[in-house]
PDB file of N, CA and C in Angstrom:
ATOM      1  N   UNK A   1     -13.637 -14.302 -10.056  1.00  0.00           N
ATOM      2  CA  UNK A   1     -13.129 -13.120 -10.612  1.00  0.00           C
ATOM      3  C   UNK A   1     -12.737 -11.837  -9.569  1.00  0.00           C
ATOM      4  N   UNK A   2     -13.480 -11.940  -8.034  1.00  0.00           N
ATOM      5  CA  UNK A   2     -12.962 -11.427  -7.121  1.00  0.00           C
ATOM      6  C   UNK A   2     -10.940 -11.412  -6.498  1.00  0.00           C
ATOM      7  N   UNK A   3     -10.575 -12.795  -6.950  1.00  0.00           N
ATOM      8  CA  UNK A   3      -9.678 -13.070  -6.161  1.00  0.00           C
ATOM      9  C   UNK A   3      -8.266 -12.474  -7.179  1.00  0.00           C
ATOM     10  N   UNK A   4      -8.835 -12.452  -9.195  1.00  0.00           N
ATOM     11  CA  UNK A   4      -8.175 -11.997  -9.962  1.00  0.00           C
ATOM     12  C   UNK A   4      -8.205 -10.467  -9.979  1.00  0.00           C
ATOM     13  N   UNK A   5      -9.327  -9.507  -9.469  1.00  0.00           N
ATOM     14  CA  UNK A   5      -9.399  -8.383  -9.063  1.00  0.00           C
ATOM     15  C   UNK A   5      -8.096  -7.946  -8.088  1.00  0.00           C
ATOM     16  N   UNK A   6      -8.467  -9.031  -6.971  1.00  0.00           N
ATOM     17  CA  UNK A   6      -7.624  -8.759  -5.907  1.00  0.00           C
ATOM     18  C   UNK A   6      -6.066  -8.341  -5.985  1.00  0.00           C
ATOM     19  N   UNK A   7      -5.576  -9.542  -6.799  1.00  0.00           N
ATOM     20  CA  UNK A   7      -4.377  -9.552  -7.203  1.00  0.00           C
ATOM     21  C   UNK A   7      -4.069  -8.342  -8.086  1.00  0.00           C
ATOM     22  N   UNK A   8      -4.955  -8.317  -9.213  1.00  0.00           N
ATOM     23  CA  UNK A   8      -4.768  -7.211  -9.806  1.00  0.00           C
ATOM     24  C   UNK A   8      -4.076  -5.447  -9.059  1.00  0.00           C
ATOM     25  N   UNK A   9      -5.577  -5.852  -8.211  1.00  0.00           N
ATOM     26  CA  UNK A   9      -5.176  -4.271  -7.198  1.00  0.00           C
ATOM     27  C   UNK A   9      -3.933  -4.277  -6.063  1.00  0.00           C
ATOM     28  N   UNK A  10      -3.424  -5.312  -5.627  1.00  0.00           N
ATOM     29  CA  UNK A  10      -2.329  -5.850  -4.796  1.00  0.00           C
ATOM     30  C   UNK A  10      -1.538  -5.701  -6.365  1.00  0.00           C
ATOM     31  N   UNK A  11      -0.827  -5.953  -7.354  1.00  0.00           N
ATOM     32  CA  UNK A  11      -0.195  -5.274  -8.356  1.00  0.00           C
ATOM     33  C   UNK A  11       0.597  -3.923  -7.989  1.00  0.00           C
ATOM     34  N   UNK A  12      -1.188  -3.550  -8.768  1.00  0.00           N
ATOM     35  CA  UNK A  12      -1.239  -2.116  -8.953  1.00  0.00           C
ATOM     36  C   UNK A  12      -0.135  -1.065  -7.579  1.00  0.00           C
ATOM     37  N   UNK A  13      -0.869  -1.557  -6.276  1.00  0.00           N
ATOM     38  CA  UNK A  13      -0.472  -0.939  -5.271  1.00  0.00           C
ATOM     39  C   UNK A  13       1.019  -1.216  -4.696  1.00  0.00           C
ATOM     40  N   UNK A  14       1.751  -2.002  -5.705  1.00  0.00           N
ATOM     41  CA  UNK A  14       3.453  -2.664  -5.225  1.00  0.00           C
ATOM     42  C   UNK A  14       3.871  -1.392  -6.084  1.00  0.00           C
ATOM     43  N   UNK A  15       3.585  -0.828  -7.468  1.00  0.00           N
ATOM     44  CA  UNK A  15       3.817  -0.670  -8.341  1.00  0.00           C
ATOM     45  C   UNK A  15       3.650   1.042  -7.946  1.00  0.00           C
ATOM     46  N   UNK A  16       2.907   1.328  -7.742  1.00  0.00           N
ATOM     47  CA  UNK A  16       1.994   2.911  -7.130  1.00  0.00           C
ATOM     48  C   UNK A  16       2.970   3.136  -5.980  1.00  0.00           C
ATOM     49  N   UNK A  17       3.058   2.674  -5.094  1.00  0.00           N
ATOM     50  CA  UNK A  17       3.619   3.001  -3.902  1.00  0.00           C
ATOM     51  C   UNK A  17       4.974   3.464  -3.917  1.00  0.00           C
ATOM     52  N   UNK A  18       6.083   2.906  -4.596  1.00  0.00           N
ATOM     53  CA  UNK A  18       7.139   3.387  -4.559  1.00  0.00           C
ATOM     54  C   UNK A  18       7.407   4.399  -5.284  1.00  0.00           C
ATOM     55  N   UNK A  19       6.082   4.913  -6.112  1.00  0.00           N
ATOM     56  CA  UNK A  19       6.748   6.383  -7.194  1.00  0.00           C
ATOM     57  C   UNK A  19       6.042   7.103  -5.941  1.00  0.00           C
ATOM     58  N   UNK A  20       5.042   7.026  -5.266  1.00  0.00           N
ATOM     59  CA  UNK A  20       4.358   8.137  -4.125  1.00  0.00           C
ATOM     60  C   UNK A  20       5.580   8.227  -3.488  1.00  0.00           C
ATOM     61  N   UNK A  21       6.400   7.330  -2.688  1.00  0.00           N
ATOM     62  CA  UNK A  21       7.281   7.548  -1.407  1.00  0.00           C
ATOM     63  C   UNK A  21       8.243   8.285  -2.425  1.00  0.00           C
ATOM     64  N   UNK A  22       8.308   8.627  -3.663  1.00  0.00           N
ATOM     65  CA  UNK A  22       9.981   8.735  -4.286  1.00  0.00           C
ATOM     66  C   UNK A  22       9.527  10.313  -4.575  1.00  0.00           C
ATOM     67  N   UNK A  23       8.216  10.473  -4.851  1.00  0.00           N
ATOM     68  CA  UNK A  23       7.842  12.043  -5.521  1.00  0.00           C
ATOM     69  C   UNK A  23       7.553  12.550  -4.061  1.00  0.00           C
ATOM     70  N   UNK A  24       6.941  12.162  -2.681  1.00  0.00           N
ATOM     71  CA  UNK A  24       6.424  13.309  -1.898  1.00  0.00           C
ATOM     72  C   UNK A  24       7.836  13.509  -1.171  1.00  0.00           C
ATOM     73  N   UNK A  25       9.075  12.599  -0.588  1.00  0.00           N
ATOM     74  CA  UNK A  25       9.384  12.267  -0.113  1.00  0.00           C
ATOM     75  C   UNK A  25      10.972  13.247  -0.142  1.00  0.00           C
ATOM     76  N   UNK A  26      11.112  14.082   0.086  1.00  0.00           N
ATOM     77  CA  UNK A  26      12.102  15.232   0.679  1.00  0.00           C
ATOM     78  C   UNK A  26      13.877  14.388   0.358  1.00  0.00           C
ATOM     79  N   UNK A  27      14.397  14.594  -0.114  1.00  0.00           N
ATOM     80  CA  UNK A  27      15.772  14.149  -0.746  1.00  0.00           C
ATOM     81  C   UNK A  27      16.594  13.444  -0.067  1.00  0.00           C
ATOM     82  N   UNK A  28      16.959  14.234   1.302  1.00  0.00           N
ATOM     83  CA  UNK A  28      17.544  13.740   2.571  1.00  0.00           C
ATOM     84  C   UNK A  28      16.356  12.628   3.391  1.00  0.00           C
ATOM     85  N   UNK A  29      15.521  12.209   3.698  1.00  0.00           N
ATOM     86  CA  UNK A  29      14.704  11.948   4.388  1.00  0.00           C
ATOM     87  C   UNK A  29      13.811  10.561   3.216  1.00  0.00           C
ATOM     88  N   UNK A  30      13.969  10.101   2.304  1.00  0.00           N
ATOM     89  CA  UNK A  30      14.080   9.112   1.272  1.00  0.00           C
ATOM     90  C   UNK A  30      14.587   8.066   2.109  1.00  0.00           C
ATOM     91  N   UNK A  31      13.560   6.378   2.153  1.00  0.00           N
ATOM     92  CA  UNK A  31      13.810   5.569   2.515  1.00  0.00           C
ATOM     93  C   UNK A  31      14.447   5.005   1.435  1.00  0.00           C
ATOM     94  N   UNK A  32      15.234   3.701   1.154  1.00  0.00           N
ATOM     95  CA  UNK A  32      16.234   3.179   0.290  1.00  0.00           C
ATOM     96  C   UNK A  32      14.699   2.560  -0.244  1.00  0.00           C
ATOM     97  N   UNK A  33      15.049   2.320  -1.494  1.00  0.00           N
ATOM     98  CA  UNK A  33      13.771   1.661  -2.612  1.00  0.00           C
ATOM     99  C   UNK A  33      13.743   0.179  -1.435  1.00  0.00           C
ATOM    100  N   UNK A  34      14.804  -0.282  -1.429  1.00  0.00           N
ATOM    101  CA  UNK A  34      14.761  -1.715  -1.158  1.00  0.00           C
ATOM    102  C   UNK A  34      13.817  -2.398  -0.215  1.00  0.00           C
ATOM    103  N   UNK A  35      13.302  -0.982   1.132  1.00  0.00           N
ATOM    104  CA  UNK A  35      12.519  -1.059   2.464  1.00  0.00           C
ATOM    105  C   UNK A  35      10.924  -1.507   1.867  1.00  0.00           C
ATOM    106  N   UNK A  36      10.506  -0.603   0.182  1.00  0.00           N
ATOM    107  CA  UNK A  36       9.152  -0.905   0.145  1.00  0.00           C
ATOM    108  C   UNK A  36       9.000  -2.556  -0.202  1.00  0.00           C
ATOM    109  N   UNK A  37      10.048  -3.334  -0.655  1.00  0.00           N
ATOM    110  CA  UNK A  37       9.649  -3.963  -1.565  1.00  0.00           C
ATOM    111  C   UNK A  37      10.271  -5.364  -0.180  1.00  0.00           C
ATOM    112  N   UNK A  38      10.737  -5.448   0.622  1.00  0.00           N
ATOM    113  CA  UNK A  38      11.108  -6.072   1.733  1.00  0.00           C
ATOM    114  C   UNK A  38       9.611  -5.583   2.204  1.00  0.00           C
ATOM    115  N   UNK A  39       9.090  -4.451   2.645  1.00  0.00           N
ATOM    116  CA  UNK A  39       7.348  -4.933   3.130  1.00  0.00           C
ATOM    117  C   UNK A  39       6.310  -5.234   2.004  1.00  0.00           C
ATOM    118  N   UNK A  40       6.516  -5.625   0.900  1.00  0.00           N
ATOM    119  CA  UNK A  40       5.376  -6.046   0.079  1.00  0.00           C
ATOM    120  C   UNK A  40       5.922  -7.392   0.408  1.00  0.00           C
ATOM    121  N   UNK A  41       6.872  -7.984   0.301  1.00  0.00           N
ATOM    122  CA  UNK A  41       6.992  -9.054   0.095  1.00  0.00           C
ATOM    123  C   UNK A  41       6.608  -9.909   2.249  1.00  0.00           C
ATOM    124  N   UNK A  42       7.066  -9.009   3.066  1.00  0.00           N
ATOM    125  CA  UNK A  42       6.666  -9.715   3.859  1.00  0.00           C
ATOM    126  C   UNK A  42       5.110  -9.569   4.052  1.00  0.00           C
ATOM    127  N   UNK A  43       4.409  -8.244   3.351  1.00  0.00           N
ATOM    128  CA  UNK A  43       3.022  -9.028   3.170  1.00  0.00           C
ATOM    129  C   UNK A  43       2.317 -10.222   2.629  1.00  0.00           C
ATOM    130  N   UNK A  44       3.111 -10.207   1.847  1.00  0.00           N
ATOM    131  CA  UNK A  44       2.637 -11.538   1.001  1.00  0.00           C
ATOM    132  C   UNK A  44       3.102 -12.778   1.878  1.00  0.00           C
ATOM    133  N   UNK A  45       3.884 -12.850   2.908  1.00  0.00           N
ATOM    134  CA  UNK A  45       4.990 -14.257   3.636  1.00  0.00           C
ATOM    135  C   UNK A  45       3.254 -14.218   4.172  1.00  0.00           C
ATOM    136  N   UNK A  46       3.081 -13.218   4.802  1.00  0.00           N
ATOM    137  CA  UNK A  46       2.163 -13.040   5.817  1.00  0.00           C
ATOM    138  C   UNK A  46       0.372 -13.719   5.207  1.00  0.00           C
ATOM    139  N   UNK A  47       0.384 -12.979   4.302  1.00  0.00           N
ATOM    140  CA  UNK A  47      -1.325 -13.434   3.564  1.00  0.00           C
ATOM    141  C   UNK A  47      -0.602 -15.005   3.454  1.00  0.00           C
ATOM    142  N   UNK A  48       0.107 -15.944   2.770  1.00  0.00           N
ATOM    143  CA  UNK A  48       0.116 -16.655   2.736  1.00  0.00           C
ATOM    144  C   UNK A  48      -0.277 -17.693   3.721  1.00  0.00           C
ATOM    145  N   UNK A  49       0.653 -16.910   4.927  1.00  0.00           N
ATOM    146  CA  UNK A  49       0.828 -18.383   6.020  1.00  0.00           C
ATOM    147  C   UNK A  49      -0.729 -17.511   6.681  1.00  0.00           C
ATOM    148  N   UNK A  50      -0.958 -16.969   6.488  1.00  0.00           N
ATOM    149  CA  UNK A  50      -2.934 -16.844   7.128  1.00  0.00           C
ATOM    150  C   UNK A  50      -3.551 -17.167   6.812  1.00  0.00           C
ATOM    151  N   UNK A  51      -3.714 -17.656   5.075  1.00  0.00           N
ATOM    152  CA  UNK A  51      -4.579 -18.511   4.578  1.00  0.00           C
ATOM    153  C   UNK A  51      -3.963 -19.656   4.554  1.00  0.00           C
ATOM    154  N   UNK A  52      -3.078 -20.478   4.712  1.00  0.00           N
ATOM    155  CA  UNK A  52      -2.710 -21.625   5.519  1.00  0.00           C
ATOM    156  C   UNK A  52      -2.933 -21.957   6.750  1.00  0.00           C
ATOM    157  N   UNK A  53      -3.164 -21.523   7.248  1.00  0.00           N
ATOM    158  CA  UNK A  53      -3.522 -21.750   8.489  1.00  0.00           C
ATOM    159  C   UNK A  53      -5.497 -21.964   8.533  1.00  0.00           C
ATOM    160  N   UNK A  54      -5.935 -20.675   7.621  1.00  0.00           N
ATOM    161  CA  UNK A  54      -7.105 -20.872   7.722  1.00  0.00           C
ATOM    162  C   UNK A  54      -7.955 -22.455   6.963  1.00  0.00           C
ATOM    163  N   UNK A  55      -7.081 -22.446   5.869  1.00  0.00           N
ATOM    164  CA  UNK A  55      -6.792 -23.496   5.111  1.00  0.00           C
ATOM    165  C   UNK A  55      -7.970 -24.927   5.193  1.00  0.00           C
ATOM    166  N   UNK A  56      -7.062 -25.411   6.764  1.00  0.00           N
ATOM    167  CA  UNK A  56      -7.405 -26.436   7.685  1.00  0.00           C
ATOM    168  C   UNK A  56      -8.891 -26.245   8.066  1.00  0.00           C
ATOM    169  N   UNK A  57      -9.353 -25.394   8.308  1.00  0.00           N
ATOM    170  CA  UNK A  57     -10.864 -25.144   8.472  1.00  0.00           C
ATOM    171  C   UNK A  57     -12.185 -25.008   7.339  1.00  0.00           C
ATOM    172  N   UNK A  58     -11.179 -24.889   6.260  1.00  0.00           N
ATOM    173  CA  UNK A  58     -12.162 -25.111   4.763  1.00  0.00           C
ATOM    174  C   UNK A  58     -13.147 -23.628   4.733  1.00  0.00           C
ATOM    175  N   UNK A  59     -12.561 -22.705   6.034  1.00  0.00           N
ATOM    176  CA  UNK A  59     -13.142 -21.574   6.140  1.00  0.00           C
ATOM    177  C   UNK A  59     -12.778 -20.648   4.791  1.00  0.00           C
ATOM    178  N   UNK A  60     -13.442 -20.896   3.390  1.00  0.00           N
ATOM    179  CA  UNK A  60     -12.754 -19.757   2.522  1.00  0.00           C
ATOM    180  C   UNK A  60     -13.222 -18.215   2.679  1.00  0.00           C
ATOM    181  N   UNK A  61     -14.171 -17.969   3.804  1.00  0.00           N
ATOM    182  CA  UNK A  61     -14.942 -16.808   3.656  1.00  0.00           C
ATOM    183  C   UNK A  61     -14.093 -15.953   4.884  1.00  0.00           C
ATOM    184  N   UNK A  62     -13.726 -16.931   5.626  1.00  0.00           N
ATOM    185  CA  UNK A  62     -12.948 -16.410   6.779  1.00  0.00           C
ATOM    186  C   UNK A  62     -11.439 -15.505   6.199  1.00  0.00           C
ATOM    187  N   UNK A  63     -11.004 -16.316   4.854  1.00  0.00           N
ATOM    188  CA  UNK A  63      -9.855 -15.971   3.890  1.00  0.00           C
ATOM    189  C   UNK A  63     -10.227 -14.346   3.566  1.00  0.00           C
ATOM    190  N   UNK A  64     -11.490 -14.739   3.044  1.00  0.00           N
ATOM    191  CA  UNK A  64     -11.547 -13.554   1.951  1.00  0.00           C
ATOM    192  C   UNK A  64     -11.784 -11.975   3.290  1.00  0.00           C
ATOM    193  N   UNK A  65     -12.137 -12.585   3.717  1.00  0.00           N
ATOM    194  CA  UNK A  65     -12.908 -11.757   5.238  1.00  0.00           C
ATOM    195  C   UNK A  65     -11.637 -11.493   5.998  1.00  0.00           C
ATOM    196  N   UNK A  66     -10.105 -11.596   5.897  1.00  0.00           N
ATOM    197  CA  UNK A  66      -9.080 -11.754   6.499  1.00  0.00           C
ATOM    198  C   UNK A  66      -8.558 -10.379   6.089  1.00  0.00           C
ATOM    199  N   UNK A  67      -8.886 -10.356   4.894  1.00  0.00           N
ATOM    200  CA  UNK A  67      -8.178  -9.005   3.394  1.00  0.00           C
ATOM    201  C   UNK A  67      -9.103  -7.960   4.027  1.00  0.00           C
ATOM    202  N   UNK A  68     -10.204  -7.958   4.491  1.00  0.00           N
ATOM    203  CA  UNK A  68     -10.658  -6.411   4.708  1.00  0.00           C
ATOM    204  C   UNK A  68     -10.187  -6.343   5.965  1.00  0.00           C
ATOM    205  N   UNK A  69      -9.598  -6.579   6.748  1.00  0.00           N
ATOM    206  CA  UNK A  69      -9.160  -5.525   8.267  1.00  0.00           C
ATOM    207  C   UNK A  69      -7.940  -4.383   7.476  1.00  0.00           C
ATOM    208  N   UNK A  70      -6.533  -5.113   6.783  1.00  0.00           N
ATOM    209  CA  UNK A  70      -5.353  -4.373   6.601  1.00  0.00           C
ATOM    210  C   UNK A  70      -6.220  -3.345   5.533  1.00  0.00           C
ATOM    211  N   UNK A  71      -7.326  -3.653   4.526  1.00  0.00           N
ATOM    212  CA  UNK A  71      -7.728  -3.200   3.468  1.00  0.00           C
ATOM    213  C   UNK A  71      -8.718  -1.349   4.147  1.00  0.00           C
ATOM    214  N   UNK A  72      -9.483  -1.720   5.048  1.00  0.00           N
ATOM    215  CA  UNK A  72      -9.853  -0.982   5.680  1.00  0.00           C
ATOM    216  C   UNK A  72      -9.088   0.053   6.893  1.00  0.00           C
ATOM    217  N   UNK A  73      -8.275  -0.461   6.713  1.00  0.00           N
ATOM    218  CA  UNK A  73      -6.541   0.582   8.035  1.00  0.00           C
ATOM    219  C   UNK A  73      -6.223   0.859   7.040  1.00  0.00           C
ATOM    220  N   UNK A  74      -5.779   0.884   5.464  1.00  0.00           N
ATOM    221  CA  UNK A  74      -5.360   1.436   4.252  1.00  0.00           C
ATOM    222  C   UNK A  74      -5.988   2.583   3.836  1.00  0.00           C
ATOM    223  N   UNK A  75      -7.722   2.280   3.539  1.00  0.00           N
ATOM    224  CA  UNK A  75      -8.738   3.734   3.297  1.00  0.00           C
ATOM    225  C   UNK A  75      -8.809   4.270   4.228  1.00  0.00           C
ATOM    226  N   UNK A  76      -8.880   4.176   6.122  1.00  0.00           N
ATOM    227  CA  UNK A  76      -8.759   5.169   6.216  1.00  0.00           C
ATOM    228  C   UNK A  76      -7.135   5.904   6.590  1.00  0.00           C
ATOM    229  N   UNK A  77      -6.405   5.186   6.466  1.00  0.00           N
ATOM    230  CA  UNK A  77      -4.885   6.158   6.160  1.00  0.00           C
ATOM    231  C   UNK A  77      -4.712   7.032   4.856  1.00  0.00           C
ATOM    232  N   UNK A  78      -5.492   6.725   4.080  1.00  0.00           N
ATOM    233  CA  UNK A  78      -5.566   7.215   2.635  1.00  0.00           C
ATOM    234  C   UNK A  78      -6.463   8.766   3.116  1.00  0.00           C
ATOM    235  N   UNK A  79      -7.211   8.828   3.833  1.00  0.00           N
ATOM    236  CA  UNK A  79      -7.489  10.028   4.080  1.00  0.00           C
ATOM    237  C   UNK A  79      -5.947  11.243   4.546  1.00  0.00           C
ATOM    238  N   UNK A  80      -5.784  10.913   5.605  1.00  0.00           N
ATOM    239  CA  UNK A  80      -4.266  11.620   5.593  1.00  0.00           C
ATOM    240  C   UNK A  80      -3.510  11.944   5.290  1.00  0.00           C
ATOM    241  N   UNK A  81      -3.373  11.276   3.730  1.00  0.00           N
ATOM    242  CA  UNK A  81      -2.441  11.584   3.007  1.00  0.00           C
ATOM    243  C   UNK A  81      -2.057  12.940   1.915  1.00  0.00           C
ATOM    244  N   UNK A  82      -1.123  13.726   2.447  1.00  0.00           N
ATOM    245  CA  UNK A  82      -1.336  15.075   1.325  1.00  0.00           C
ATOM    246  C   UNK A  82      -1.108  14.958   0.360  1.00  0.00           C
ATOM    247  N   UNK A  83      -1.713  16.171  -0.157  1.00  0.00           N
ATOM    248  CA  UNK A  83      -1.412  16.332  -1.694  1.00  0.00           C
ATOM    249  C   UNK A  83       0.213  16.227  -2.383  1.00  0.00           C
ATOM    250  N   UNK A  84       0.271  15.796  -3.622  1.00  0.00           N
ATOM    251  CA  UNK A  84       1.920  15.788  -3.668  1.00  0.00           C
ATOM    252  C   UNK A  84       2.090  16.779  -4.029  1.00  0.00           C
ATOM    253  N   UNK A  85       3.760  16.984  -4.654  1.00  0.00           N
ATOM    254  CA  UNK A  85       4.059  18.202  -5.587  1.00  0.00           C
ATOM    255  C   UNK A  85       3.382  18.367  -6.952  1.00  0.00           C
ATOM    256  N   UNK A  86       4.235  17.023  -7.399  1.00  0.00           N
ATOM    257  CA  UNK A  86       3.261  16.884  -8.607  1.00  0.00           C
ATOM    258  C   UNK A  86       1.486  17.273  -8.870  1.00  0.00           C
ATOM    259  N   UNK A  87       1.344  17.005  -8.286  1.00  0.00           N
ATOM    260  CA  UNK A  87      -0.304  17.039  -8.455  1.00  0.00           C
ATOM    261  C   UNK A  87      -0.873  18.586  -7.856  1.00  0.00           C
ATOM    262  N   UNK A  88      -0.123  19.172  -6.511  1.00  0.00           N
ATOM    263  CA  UNK A  88       0.000  20.538  -6.392  1.00  0.00           C
ATOM    264  C   UNK A  88       0.651  21.398  -7.957  1.00  0.00           C
ATOM    265  N   UNK A  89       1.426  20.780  -8.629  1.00  0.00           N
ATOM    266  CA  UNK A  89       1.768  22.105  -9.803  1.00  0.00           C
ATOM    267  C   UNK A  89       0.768  21.909 -10.589  1.00  0.00           C
ATOM    268  N   UNK A  90       0.537  20.671 -10.836  1.00  0.00           N
ATOM    269  CA  UNK A  90      -0.660  20.753 -11.945  1.00  0.00           C
ATOM    270  C   UNK A  90      -2.084  21.403 -11.867  1.00  0.00           C
ATOM    271  N   UNK A  91      -2.060  21.696 -10.715  1.00  0.00           N
ATOM    272  CA  UNK A  91      -3.202  22.261 -10.416  1.00  0.00           C
ATOM    273  C   UNK A  91      -2.887  24.106  -9.753  1.00  0.00           C
ATOM    274  N   UNK A  92      -1.395  23.995  -9.880  1.00  0.00           N
ATOM    275  CA  UNK A  92      -1.287  25.297 -10.052  1.00  0.00           C
ATOM    276  C   UNK A  92      -0.963  26.480  -8.636  1.00  0.00           C
ATOM    277  N   UNK A  93      -0.824  25.149  -7.389  1.00  0.00           N
ATOM    278  CA  UNK A  93      -0.609  25.432  -6.525  1.00  0.00           C
ATOM    279  C   UNK A  93       0.784  25.330  -5.912  1.00  0.00           C
ATOM    280  N   UNK A  94       1.290  26.119  -4.824  1.00  0.00           N
ATOM    281  CA  UNK A  94       2.463  25.851  -3.694  1.00  0.00           C
ATOM    282  C   UNK A  94       2.540  25.105  -2.805  1.00  0.00           C
ATOM    283  N   UNK A  95       3.787  24.540  -2.659  1.00  0.00           N
ATOM    284  CA  UNK A  95       3.802  23.294  -2.130  1.00  0.00           C
ATOM    285  C   UNK A  95       4.427  23.936  -0.879  1.00  0.00           C
ATOM    286  N   UNK A  96       4.431  23.504   0.932  1.00  0.00           N
ATOM    287  CA  UNK A  96       4.421  23.892   1.894  1.00  0.00           C
ATOM    288  C   UNK A  96       6.214  23.715   2.309  1.00  0.00           C
ATOM    289  N   UNK A  97       6.724  24.134   2.956  1.00  0.00           N
ATOM    290  CA  UNK A  97       8.204  23.826   3.074  1.00  0.00           C
ATOM    291  C   UNK A  97       7.532  22.373   4.295  1.00  0.00           C
ATOM    292  N   UNK A  98       8.951  21.392   4.012  1.00  0.00           N
ATOM    293  CA  UNK A  98       8.878  20.480   4.754  1.00  0.00           C
ATOM    294  C   UNK A  98       9.498  20.240   5.697  1.00  0.00           C
ATOM    295  N   UNK A  99       9.467  20.352   7.230  1.00  0.00           N
ATOM    296  CA  UNK A  99      10.137  20.073   8.300  1.00  0.00           C
ATOM    297  C   UNK A  99      11.222  19.420   8.427  1.00  0.00           C
ATOM    298  N   UNK A 100      12.412  19.801   8.409  1.00  0.00           N
ATOM    299  CA  UNK A 100      13.588  19.009   9.114  1.00  0.00           C
ATOM    300  C   UNK A 100      13.780  18.613  10.292  1.00  0.00           C
TER     301      UNK A 100
END
């Protein structure tokens, strides 16, 4: 059940992150869309590699625990994400100008 939940969460993150990047980035400094897909593929391949090497020891608990390290890093990084322009517009606020 937890593996299915983790798969759904990863799928949702891969859909939501390009939308957030497109929404928050100014047009002149927006990264190419393929860059996000490349990062997703590299992350998936890395996780397959880690699980492959851990499979020889039969330590399935370590496979699940290895996902906790990037998860904690992401949760910590989310503290520093600013409000998006759409969120501020819905709340009636204004966005500070971007520094170029």
